[in-house]
C-alpha atoms as a PDB file:
ATOM      1  CA  UNK A   1     -15.696 192.902 167.188  1.00  0.00           C
ATOM      2  CA  UNK A   2     -16.584 189.220 166.448  1.00  0.00           C
ATOM      3  CA  UNK A   3     -14.986 186.707 168.778  1.00  0.00           C
ATOM      4  CA  UNK A   4     -16.048 183.492 167.009  1.00  0.00           C
ATOM      5  CA  UNK A   5     -18.536 184.853 164.361  1.00  0.00           C
ATOM      6  CA  UNK A   6     -17.408 187.485 162.112  1.00  0.00           C
ATOM      7  CA  UNK A   7     -20.030 188.256 160.084  1.00  0.00           C
ATOM      8  CA  UNK A   8     -19.875 190.513 156.404  1.00  0.00           C
ATOM      9  CA  UNK A   9     -23.011 191.994 154.058  1.00  0.00           C
ATOM     10  CA  UNK A  10     -22.385 192.645 150.712  1.00  0.00           C
ATOM     11  CA  UNK A  11     -24.223 192.164 147.354  1.00  0.00           C
ATOM     12  CA  UNK A  12     -27.387 190.518 149.514  1.00  0.00           C
ATOM     13  CA  UNK A  13     -25.271 188.106 150.847  1.00  0.00           C
ATOM     14  CA  UNK A  14     -24.723 187.513 154.906  1.00  0.00           C
ATOM     15  CA  UNK A  15     -21.510 185.880 155.026  1.00  0.00           C
ATOM     16  CA  UNK A  16     -21.015 184.120 158.862  1.00  0.00           C
ATOM     17  CA  UNK A  17     -17.445 183.230 158.972  1.00  0.00           C
ATOM     18  CA  UNK A  18     -16.744 180.735 162.296  1.00  0.00           C
ATOM     19  CA  UNK A  19     -13.633 182.541 162.742  1.00  0.00           C
ATOM     20  CA  UNK A  20     -11.124 180.656 165.469  1.00  0.00           C
ATOM     21  CA  UNK A  21      -9.331 178.756 163.236  1.00  0.00           C
ATOM     22  CA  UNK A  22      -6.478 177.530 165.906  1.00  0.00           C
ATOM     23  CA  UNK A  23      -9.332 175.902 168.212  1.00  0.00           C
ATOM     24  CA  UNK A  24     -10.852 174.354 164.589  1.00  0.00           C
ATOM     25  CA  UNK A  25     -13.478 176.398 165.165  1.00  0.00           C
ATOM     26  CA  UNK A  26     -14.890 174.003 168.343  1.00  0.00           C
ATOM     27  CA  UNK A  27     -18.696 175.132 169.992  1.00  0.00           C
ATOM     28  CA  UNK A  28     -18.680 177.250 172.744  1.00  0.00           C
ATOM     29  CA  UNK A  29     -21.750 179.728 173.948  1.00  0.00           C
ATOM     30  CA  UNK A  30     -19.850 182.942 172.477  1.00  0.00           C
ATOM     31  CA  UNK A  31     -20.328 180.953 169.321  1.00  0.00           C
ATOM     32  CA  UNK A  32     -23.845 179.587 169.722  1.00  0.00           C
ATOM     33  CA  UNK A  33     -24.698 183.500 170.861  1.00  0.00           C
ATOM     34  CA  UNK A  34     -23.040 185.590 167.516  1.00  0.00           C
ATOM     35  CA  UNK A  35     -24.013 182.951 165.316  1.00  0.00           C
ATOM     36  CA  UNK A  36     -27.562 183.283 166.750  1.00  0.00           C
ATOM     37  CA  UNK A  37     -27.476 187.287 166.897  1.00  0.00           C
ATOM     38  CA  UNK A  38     -26.002 186.505 162.883  1.00  0.00           C
ATOM     39  CA  UNK A  39     -29.224 184.436 161.828  1.00  0.00           C
ATOM     40  CA  UNK A  40     -31.909 185.964 163.688  1.00  0.00           C
ATOM     41  CA  UNK A  41     -31.079 190.073 163.183  1.00  0.00           C
ATOM     42  CA  UNK A  42     -30.997 189.574 159.030  1.00  0.00           C
ATOM     43  CA  UNK A  43     -34.710 187.461 159.207  1.00  0.00           C
ATOM     44  CA  UNK A  44     -36.278 191.128 158.565  1.00  0.00           C
ATOM     45  CA  UNK A  45     -33.457 192.950 156.607  1.00  0.00           C
ATOM     46  CA  UNK A  46     -34.963 192.941 153.091  1.00  0.00           C
ATOM     47  CA  UNK A  47     -31.230 193.731 151.618  1.00  0.00           C
ATOM     48  CA  UNK A  48     -30.356 190.478 152.473  1.00  0.00           C
ATOM     49  CA  UNK A  49     -31.478 187.744 150.473  1.00  0.00           C
ATOM     50  CA  UNK A  50     -29.177 184.772 151.453  1.00  0.00           C
ATOM     51  CA  UNK A  51     -26.979 183.429 154.194  1.00  0.00           C
ATOM     52  CA  UNK A  52     -23.844 181.837 153.617  1.00  0.00           C
ATOM     53  CA  UNK A  53     -21.915 179.879 156.700  1.00  0.00           C
ATOM     54  CA  UNK A  54     -18.421 179.072 156.391  1.00  0.00           C
ATOM     55  CA  UNK A  55     -15.004 178.913 158.358  1.00  0.00           C
ATOM     56  CA  UNK A  56     -11.276 179.687 158.548  1.00  0.00           C
ATOM     57  CA  UNK A  57      -8.905 177.500 159.232  1.00  0.00           C
ATOM     58  CA  UNK A  58      -8.386 173.465 158.814  1.00  0.00           C
ATOM     59  CA  UNK A  59     -11.799 172.349 160.190  1.00  0.00           C
ATOM     60  CA  UNK A  60     -15.048 173.828 159.414  1.00  0.00           C
ATOM     61  CA  UNK A  61     -15.970 172.532 162.989  1.00  0.00           C
ATOM     62  CA  UNK A  62     -14.488 169.905 165.135  1.00  0.00           C
ATOM     63  CA  UNK A  63     -17.741 169.919 167.999  1.00  0.00           C
ATOM     64  CA  UNK A  64     -17.840 170.892 171.273  1.00  0.00           C
ATOM     65  CA  UNK A  65     -15.271 172.233 173.056  1.00  0.00           C
ATOM     66  CA  UNK A  66     -14.666 169.636 175.700  1.00  0.00           C
ATOM     67  CA  UNK A  67     -12.326 171.388 177.510  1.00  0.00           C
ATOM     68  CA  UNK A  68     -15.089 173.628 179.246  1.00  0.00           C
ATOM     69  CA  UNK A  69     -17.744 171.203 178.823  1.00  0.00           C
ATOM     70  CA  UNK A  70     -16.101 168.094 180.087  1.00  0.00           C
ATOM     71  CA  UNK A  71     -15.323 170.761 183.078  1.00  0.00           C
ATOM     72  CA  UNK A  72     -18.993 171.704 183.647  1.00  0.00           C
ATOM     73  CA  UNK A  73     -19.956 168.694 183.860  1.00  0.00           C
ATOM     74  CA  UNK A  74     -17.220 167.421 186.372  1.00  0.00           C
ATOM     75  CA  UNK A  75     -18.143 170.805 188.528  1.00  0.00           C
ATOM     76  CA  UNK A  76     -21.700 169.280 188.053  1.00  0.00           C
ATOM     77  CA  UNK A  77     -21.064 166.023 189.407  1.00  0.00           C
ATOM     78  CA  UNK A  78     -18.937 167.378 192.186  1.00  0.00           C
ATOM     79  CA  UNK A  79     -21.722 169.458 193.068  1.00  0.00           C
ATOM     80  CA  UNK A  80     -24.337 166.060 193.032  1.00  0.00           C
ATOM     81  CA  UNK A  81     -22.076 164.758 195.705  1.00  0.00           C
ATOM     82  CA  UNK A  82     -22.634 168.058 197.861  1.00  0.00           C
ATOM     83  CA  UNK A  83     -26.918 166.703 197.547  1.00  0.00           C
ATOM     84  CA  UNK A  84     -27.902 167.622 194.611  1.00  0.00           C
ATOM     85  CA  UNK A  85     -28.241 165.318 191.370  1.00  0.00           C
ATOM     86  CA  UNK A  86     -28.289 165.853 187.391  1.00  0.00           C
ATOM     87  CA  UNK A  87     -31.270 168.030 186.645  1.00  0.00           C
ATOM     88  CA  UNK A  88     -32.883 166.951 183.518  1.00  0.00           C
ATOM     89  CA  UNK A  89     -34.709 169.830 182.906  1.00  0.00           C
ATOM     90  CA  UNK A  90     -31.765 172.186 183.902  1.00  0.00           C
ATOM     91  CA  UNK A  91     -29.728 170.265 181.226  1.00  0.00           C
ATOM     92  CA  UNK A  92     -32.427 170.596 178.694  1.00  0.00           C
ATOM     93  CA  UNK A  93     -32.432 174.424 179.290  1.00  0.00           C
ATOM     94  CA  UNK A  94     -28.854 174.430 178.827  1.00  0.00           C
ATOM     95  CA  UNK A  95     -28.376 172.063 175.855  1.00  0.00           C
ATOM     96  CA  UNK A  96     -31.185 173.195 174.619  1.00  0.00           C
ATOM     97  CA  UNK A  97     -30.063 176.913 173.497  1.00  0.00           C
ATOM     98  CA  UNK A  98     -28.056 175.121 171.355  1.00  0.00           C
ATOM     99  CA  UNK A  99     -29.992 173.030 169.933  1.00  0.00           C
ATOM    100  CA  UNK A 100     -32.107 175.932 168.673  1.00  0.00           C
ATOM    101  CA  UNK A 101     -29.474 177.902 167.581  1.00  0.00           C
ATOM    102  CA  UNK A 102     -28.608 175.529 165.142  1.00  0.00           C
ATOM    103  CA  UNK A 103     -32.677 174.957 164.200  1.00  0.00           C
ATOM    104  CA  UNK A 104     -32.209 178.575 162.758  1.00  0.00           C
ATOM    105  CA  UNK A 105     -30.505 178.002 159.704  1.00  0.00           C
ATOM    106  CA  UNK A 106     -33.001 175.491 158.873  1.00  0.00           C
ATOM    107  CA  UNK A 107     -36.221 177.818 160.204  1.00  0.00           C
ATOM    108  CA  UNK A 108     -34.678 180.572 158.314  1.00  0.00           C
ATOM    109  CA  UNK A 109     -36.922 182.380 155.927  1.00  0.00           C
ATOM    110  CA  UNK A 110     -33.298 183.503 153.802  1.00  0.00           C
ATOM    111  CA  UNK A 111     -31.854 180.311 152.303  1.00  0.00           C
ATOM    112  CA  UNK A 112     -29.168 179.102 154.020  1.00  0.00           C
ATOM    113  CA  UNK A 113     -25.875 178.009 152.685  1.00  0.00           C
ATOM    114  CA  UNK A 114     -22.979 175.885 154.616  1.00  0.00           C
ATOM    115  CA  UNK A 115     -19.132 175.616 152.861  1.00  0.00           C
ATOM    116  CA  UNK A 116     -17.273 172.523 154.773  1.00  0.00           C
ATOM    117  CA  UNK A 117     -13.908 172.281 154.523  1.00  0.00           C
ATOM    118  CA  UNK A 118     -11.690 169.542 156.943  1.00  0.00           C
ATOM    119  CA  UNK A 119     -13.462 168.555 159.790  1.00  0.00           C
ATOM    120  CA  UNK A 120     -16.797 168.917 160.338  1.00  0.00           C
ATOM    121  CA  UNK A 121     -17.590 166.273 163.199  1.00  0.00           C
ATOM    122  CA  UNK A 122     -20.169 165.792 166.471  1.00  0.00           C
ATOM    123  CA  UNK A 123     -21.208 169.599 167.326  1.00  0.00           C
ATOM    124  CA  UNK A 124     -20.536 170.572 164.050  1.00  0.00           C
ATOM    125  CA  UNK A 125     -22.648 168.329 162.254  1.00  0.00           C
ATOM    126  CA  UNK A 126     -25.458 170.037 164.438  1.00  0.00           C
ATOM    127  CA  UNK A 127     -24.766 173.188 162.904  1.00  0.00           C
ATOM    128  CA  UNK A 128     -23.906 172.188 159.402  1.00  0.00           C
ATOM    129  CA  UNK A 129     -26.508 169.796 158.745  1.00  0.00           C
ATOM    130  CA  UNK A 130     -29.296 172.417 159.387  1.00  0.00           C
ATOM    131  CA  UNK A 131     -28.256 174.454 156.698  1.00  0.00           C
ATOM    132  CA  UNK A 132     -30.623 174.262 153.429  1.00  0.00           C
ATOM    133  CA  UNK A 133     -27.610 173.696 151.090  1.00  0.00           C
ATOM    134  CA  UNK A 134     -23.797 172.372 151.961  1.00  0.00           C
ATOM    135  CA  UNK A 135     -20.655 172.902 149.506  1.00  0.00           C
ATOM    136  CA  UNK A 136     -18.106 169.926 151.013  1.00  0.00           C
ATOM    137  CA  UNK A 137     -14.304 170.347 149.622  1.00  0.00           C
ATOM    138  CA  UNK A 138     -12.232 167.755 149.139  1.00  0.00           C
ATOM    139  CA  UNK A 139     -10.883 167.574 152.434  1.00  0.00           C
ATOM    140  CA  UNK A 140     -14.025 167.291 154.176  1.00  0.00           C
ATOM    141  CA  UNK A 141     -14.732 164.962 156.832  1.00  0.00           C
ATOM    142  CA  UNK A 142     -18.034 164.279 158.707  1.00  0.00           C
ATOM    143  CA  UNK A 143     -18.972 162.139 161.698  1.00  0.00           C
ATOM    144  CA  UNK A 144     -20.706 162.195 164.673  1.00  0.00           C
ATOM    145  CA  UNK A 145     -18.207 160.257 167.045  1.00  0.00           C
ATOM    146  CA  UNK A 146     -19.792 161.106 170.786  1.00  0.00           C
ATOM    147  CA  UNK A 147     -22.267 158.439 169.688  1.00  0.00           C
ATOM    148  CA  UNK A 148     -20.105 155.879 171.283  1.00  0.00           C
ATOM    149  CA  UNK A 149     -19.942 157.411 174.255  1.00  0.00           C
ATOM    150  CA  UNK A 150     -21.187 160.571 175.442  1.00  0.00           C
ATOM    151  CA  UNK A 151     -23.658 161.748 173.037  1.00  0.00           C
ATOM    152  CA  UNK A 152     -26.485 161.617 170.647  1.00  0.00           C
ATOM    153  CA  UNK A 153     -26.961 164.052 167.700  1.00  0.00           C
ATOM    154  CA  UNK A 154     -29.463 166.972 168.365  1.00  0.00           C
ATOM    155  CA  UNK A 155     -31.075 166.384 165.592  1.00  0.00           C
ATOM    156  CA  UNK A 156     -31.551 163.110 164.147  1.00  0.00           C
ATOM    157  CA  UNK A 157     -34.404 164.313 161.729  1.00  0.00           C
ATOM    158  CA  UNK A 158     -31.311 166.215 159.808  1.00  0.00           C
ATOM    159  CA  UNK A 159     -29.540 163.046 159.501  1.00  0.00           C
ATOM    160  CA  UNK A 160     -32.478 161.266 157.760  1.00  0.00           C
ATOM    161  CA  UNK A 161     -33.657 164.049 155.375  1.00  0.00           C
ATOM    162  CA  UNK A 162     -30.185 163.876 153.841  1.00  0.00           C
ATOM    163  CA  UNK A 163     -28.445 160.482 153.658  1.00  0.00           C
ATOM    164  CA  UNK A 164     -32.046 158.250 154.151  1.00  0.00           C
ATOM    165  CA  UNK A 165     -33.020 156.195 157.229  1.00  0.00           C
ATOM    166  CA  UNK A 166     -30.428 153.190 156.650  1.00  0.00           C
ATOM    167  CA  UNK A 167     -27.450 155.312 156.105  1.00  0.00           C
ATOM    168  CA  UNK A 168     -28.502 157.308 158.718  1.00  0.00           C
ATOM    169  CA  UNK A 169     -28.134 154.410 160.900  1.00  0.00           C
ATOM    170  CA  UNK A 170     -25.188 152.750 160.145  1.00  0.00           C
ATOM    171  CA  UNK A 171     -23.469 156.105 160.619  1.00  0.00           C
ATOM    172  CA  UNK A 172     -25.054 157.184 163.784  1.00  0.00           C
ATOM    173  CA  UNK A 173     -24.963 153.793 165.486  1.00  0.00           C
ATOM    174  CA  UNK A 174     -20.921 153.447 164.836  1.00  0.00           C
ATOM    175  CA  UNK A 175     -19.790 156.938 164.548  1.00  0.00           C
ATOM    176  CA  UNK A 176     -17.659 156.267 161.878  1.00  0.00           C
ATOM    177  CA  UNK A 177     -16.584 158.793 159.626  1.00  0.00           C
ATOM    178  CA  UNK A 178     -17.005 159.633 155.874  1.00  0.00           C
ATOM    179  CA  UNK A 179     -15.593 161.838 153.451  1.00  0.00           C
ATOM    180  CA  UNK A 180     -16.934 164.241 150.948  1.00  0.00           C
ATOM    181  CA  UNK A 181     -17.856 162.271 148.049  1.00  0.00           C
ATOM    182  CA  UNK A 182     -19.004 159.758 150.662  1.00  0.00           C
ATOM    183  CA  UNK A 183     -21.429 162.197 151.790  1.00  0.00           C
ATOM    184  CA  UNK A 184     -21.951 163.239 147.789  1.00  0.00           C
ATOM    185  CA  UNK A 185     -23.004 160.206 147.055  1.00  0.00           C
ATOM    186  CA  UNK A 186     -25.420 159.703 149.648  1.00  0.00           C
ATOM    187  CA  UNK A 187     -26.959 163.271 149.077  1.00  0.00           C
ATOM    188  CA  UNK A 188     -25.402 164.908 152.449  1.00  0.00           C
ATOM    189  CA  UNK A 189     -24.252 167.336 150.018  1.00  0.00           C
ATOM    190  CA  UNK A 190     -25.158 169.279 147.209  1.00  0.00           C
ATOM    191  CA  UNK A 191     -21.299 169.146 145.322  1.00  0.00           C
ATOM    192  CA  UNK A 192     -17.638 168.388 146.035  1.00  0.00           C
ATOM    193  CA  UNK A 193     -14.941 171.115 144.868  1.00  0.00           C
ATOM    194  CA  UNK A 194     -11.671 171.510 144.986  1.00  0.00           C
ATOM    195  CA  UNK A 195     -10.384 173.499 148.710  1.00  0.00           C
ATOM    196  CA  UNK A 196      -9.083 175.982 146.453  1.00  0.00           C
ATOM    197  CA  UNK A 197     -12.356 176.376 145.031  1.00  0.00           C
ATOM    198  CA  UNK A 198     -14.947 176.163 148.020  1.00  0.00           C
ATOM    199  CA  UNK A 199     -14.943 179.803 148.490  1.00  0.00           C
ATOM    200  CA  UNK A 200     -15.847 180.829 145.421  1.00  0.00           C
ATOM    201  CA  UNK A 201     -17.728 177.966 144.889  1.00  0.00           C
ATOM    202  CA  UNK A 202     -20.408 179.026 147.987  1.00  0.00           C
ATOM    203  CA  UNK A 203     -20.477 182.729 147.253  1.00  0.00           C
ATOM    204  CA  UNK A 204     -20.903 182.239 143.164  1.00  0.00           C
ATOM    205  CA  UNK A 205     -23.630 179.720 144.506  1.00  0.00           C
ATOM    206  CA  UNK A 206     -25.018 182.670 147.008  1.00  0.00           C
ATOM    207  CA  UNK A 207     -25.307 185.273 144.428  1.00  0.00           C
ATOM    208  CA  UNK A 208     -26.979 183.446 141.880  1.00  0.00           C
ATOM    209  CA  UNK A 209     -29.645 182.873 144.931  1.00  0.00           C
ATOM    210  CA  UNK A 210     -29.605 186.599 145.544  1.00  0.00           C
ATOM    211  CA  UNK A 211     -30.612 187.367 141.569  1.00  0.00           C
ATOM    212  CA  UNK A 212     -34.131 186.183 142.500  1.00  0.00           C
ATOM    213  CA  UNK A 213     -36.210 189.086 144.357  1.00  0.00           C
ATOM    214  CA  UNK A 214     -36.279 188.790 148.497  1.00  0.00           C
ATOM    215  CA  UNK A 215     -39.872 187.959 148.907  1.00  0.00           C
ATOM    216  CA  UNK A 216     -39.537 185.098 145.695  1.00  0.00           C
ATOM    217  CA  UNK A 217     -36.903 183.448 148.144  1.00  0.00           C
ATOM    218  CA  UNK A 218     -38.957 183.630 151.169  1.00  0.00           C
ATOM    219  CA  UNK A 219     -41.647 182.391 149.588  1.00  0.00           C
ATOM    220  CA  UNK A 220     -40.133 179.428 148.190  1.00  0.00           C
ATOM    221  CA  UNK A 221     -38.005 178.793 151.506  1.00  0.00           C
ATOM    222  CA  UNK A 222     -41.128 178.662 154.060  1.00  0.00           C
ATOM    223  CA  UNK A 223     -42.665 176.718 151.497  1.00  0.00           C
ATOM    224  CA  UNK A 224     -39.865 174.107 151.212  1.00  0.00           C
ATOM    225  CA  UNK A 225     -39.354 173.910 155.066  1.00  0.00           C
ATOM    226  CA  UNK A 226     -42.907 173.091 155.813  1.00  0.00           C
ATOM    227  CA  UNK A 227     -42.455 170.283 153.967  1.00  0.00           C
ATOM    228  CA  UNK A 228     -39.673 169.460 155.500  1.00  0.00           C
ATOM    229  CA  UNK A 229     -41.470 170.224 159.427  1.00  0.00           C
ATOM    230  CA  UNK A 230     -44.339 167.676 157.841  1.00  0.00           C
ATOM    231  CA  UNK A 231     -42.164 165.023 156.736  1.00  0.00           C
ATOM    232  CA  UNK A 232     -40.044 164.811 159.333  1.00  0.00           C
ATOM    233  CA  UNK A 233     -40.868 166.884 162.433  1.00  0.00           C
ATOM    234  CA  UNK A 234     -37.827 168.482 163.618  1.00  0.00           C
ATOM    235  CA  UNK A 235     -38.951 170.434 167.006  1.00  0.00           C
ATOM    236  CA  UNK A 236     -39.724 166.586 168.185  1.00  0.00           C
ATOM    237  CA  UNK A 237     -36.587 164.552 166.779  1.00  0.00           C
ATOM    238  CA  UNK A 238     -34.846 167.865 168.454  1.00  0.00           C
ATOM    239  CA  UNK A 239     -36.130 167.955 171.828  1.00  0.00           C
ATOM    240  CA  UNK A 240     -36.130 163.957 171.986  1.00  0.00           C
ATOM    241  CA  UNK A 241     -32.436 164.055 171.562  1.00  0.00           C
ATOM    242  CA  UNK A 242     -31.900 166.400 172.926  1.00  0.00           C
ATOM    243  CA  UNK A 243     -32.843 164.636 176.158  1.00  0.00           C
ATOM    244  CA  UNK A 244     -31.034 161.467 175.016  1.00  0.00           C
ATOM    245  CA  UNK A 245     -27.822 163.164 174.685  1.00  0.00           C
ATOM    246  CA  UNK A 246     -28.238 164.415 178.315  1.00  0.00           C
ATOM    247  CA  UNK A 247     -28.801 160.928 179.589  1.00  0.00           C
ATOM    248  CA  UNK A 248     -26.004 159.774 177.447  1.00  0.00           C
ATOM    249  CA  UNK A 249     -23.431 162.719 178.931  1.00  0.00           C
ATOM    250  CA  UNK A 250     -24.768 161.324 182.062  1.00  0.00           C
ATOM    251  CA  UNK A 251     -25.270 157.586 181.936  1.00  0.00           C
ATOM    252  CA  UNK A 252     -22.489 155.289 183.376  1.00  0.00           C
ATOM    253  CA  UNK A 253     -20.273 155.452 180.407  1.00  0.00           C
ATOM    254  CA  UNK A 254     -20.762 158.913 180.114  1.00  0.00           C
ATOM    255  CA  UNK A 255     -19.947 159.934 183.751  1.00  0.00           C
ATOM    256  CA  UNK A 256     -16.758 157.745 183.140  1.00  0.00           C
ATOM    257  CA  UNK A 257     -15.517 159.235 180.162  1.00  0.00           C
ATOM    258  CA  UNK A 258     -15.565 162.997 182.102  1.00  0.00           C
ATOM    259  CA  UNK A 259     -13.849 161.615 185.133  1.00  0.00           C
ATOM    260  CA  UNK A 260     -11.212 159.999 182.498  1.00  0.00           C
ATOM    261  CA  UNK A 261     -10.767 163.030 180.656  1.00  0.00           C
ATOM    262  CA  UNK A 262      -9.941 164.823 184.176  1.00  0.00           C
ATOM    263  CA  UNK A 263      -7.076 162.395 184.626  1.00  0.00           C
ATOM    264  CA  UNK A 264      -5.577 162.337 181.403  1.00  0.00           C
ATOM    265  CA  UNK A 265      -7.345 165.181 179.453  1.00  0.00           C
ATOM    266  CA  UNK A 266     -10.095 165.045 177.344  1.00  0.00           C
ATOM    267  CA  UNK A 267      -7.976 164.470 174.070  1.00  0.00           C
ATOM    268  CA  UNK A 268      -6.267 161.561 175.287  1.00  0.00           C
ATOM    269  CA  UNK A 269      -9.849 160.352 176.538  1.00  0.00           C
ATOM    270  CA  UNK A 270     -11.708 161.020 172.597  1.00  0.00           C
ATOM    271  CA  UNK A 271      -7.864 159.270 171.705  1.00  0.00           C
ATOM    272  CA  UNK A 272      -8.755 156.377 173.641  1.00  0.00           C
ATOM    273  CA  UNK A 273     -12.084 156.308 172.734  1.00  0.00           C
ATOM    274  CA  UNK A 274     -11.925 156.272 168.784  1.00  0.00           C
ATOM    275  CA  UNK A 275      -8.974 153.812 169.184  1.00  0.00           C
ATOM    276  CA  UNK A 276     -10.571 150.573 168.496  1.00  0.00           C
ATOM    277  CA  UNK A 277     -12.159 152.141 165.261  1.00  0.00           C
ATOM    278  CA  UNK A 278      -9.020 153.507 164.382  1.00  0.00           C
ATOM    279  CA  UNK A 279     -10.520 156.437 162.474  1.00  0.00           C
ATOM    280  CA  UNK A 280     -10.577 160.062 163.336  1.00  0.00           C
ATOM    281  CA  UNK A 281      -7.177 160.948 164.759  1.00  0.00           C
ATOM    282  CA  UNK A 282      -6.263 157.468 165.244  1.00  0.00           C
ATOM    283  CA  UNK A 283      -5.827 156.516 161.320  1.00  0.00           C
ATOM    284  CA  UNK A 284      -2.396 155.664 160.509  1.00  0.00           C
ATOM    285  CA  UNK A 285      -2.215 158.123 157.123  1.00  0.00           C
ATOM    286  CA  UNK A 286      -0.211 156.640 154.352  1.00  0.00           C
END
């Protein structure tokens, strides 16, 4: 039984549903492993033509689970005080396992679709922006607030490919949030639908793709993936960003953020980080 990703196969479509709504589907090692297995095990199945990724609850994915990830760094730094400093290579293995899993959505020979509602922020964008096609609900909100402190997007090429270089700079440098319609205007998402229509719209698109023979879908997907690989070099972008993500987490500001999270809790530390910008949880709602 799945703990983080529920899988259902029907009518040529593998539906992979992030199923921890009470936790806003935050990223955990279990989510990583279950999603990797769901994607990889479909690649050689001729009866599975399309992969659809969606989520339960008020958020698609609110990023990495800061409860376990800040605690892990705090433990690491305590060990460092005992004589061992941050190991870049070890960090690359750790965060690289996550980045490689999200990249499976791009590298897949099966077309991949992401259906997004609510928050898709921080690490959630690392997942969703790798999908070949994205449909967003009216409630969808995107952004990478860790770029303000303690993080770098793991695949910047996705931002540039979908939004263009200037928009990617604007939102990656500030960490500002943007809504579904702004995402559509920039080309980040294919279409925006009402929240009540998201599930049916995403399923209808998956079913339409599934009308095409498996071999046709795979050949076209491979050809399009090759174009993206040639234009943007995803592996190089991912490697460099993963290194810088580790650096950002272990800079003085990153270490201060972890210390503050230990003192006041990660939720309050995030609020303090975002408060000057007046967005995400700090926005005053009408």
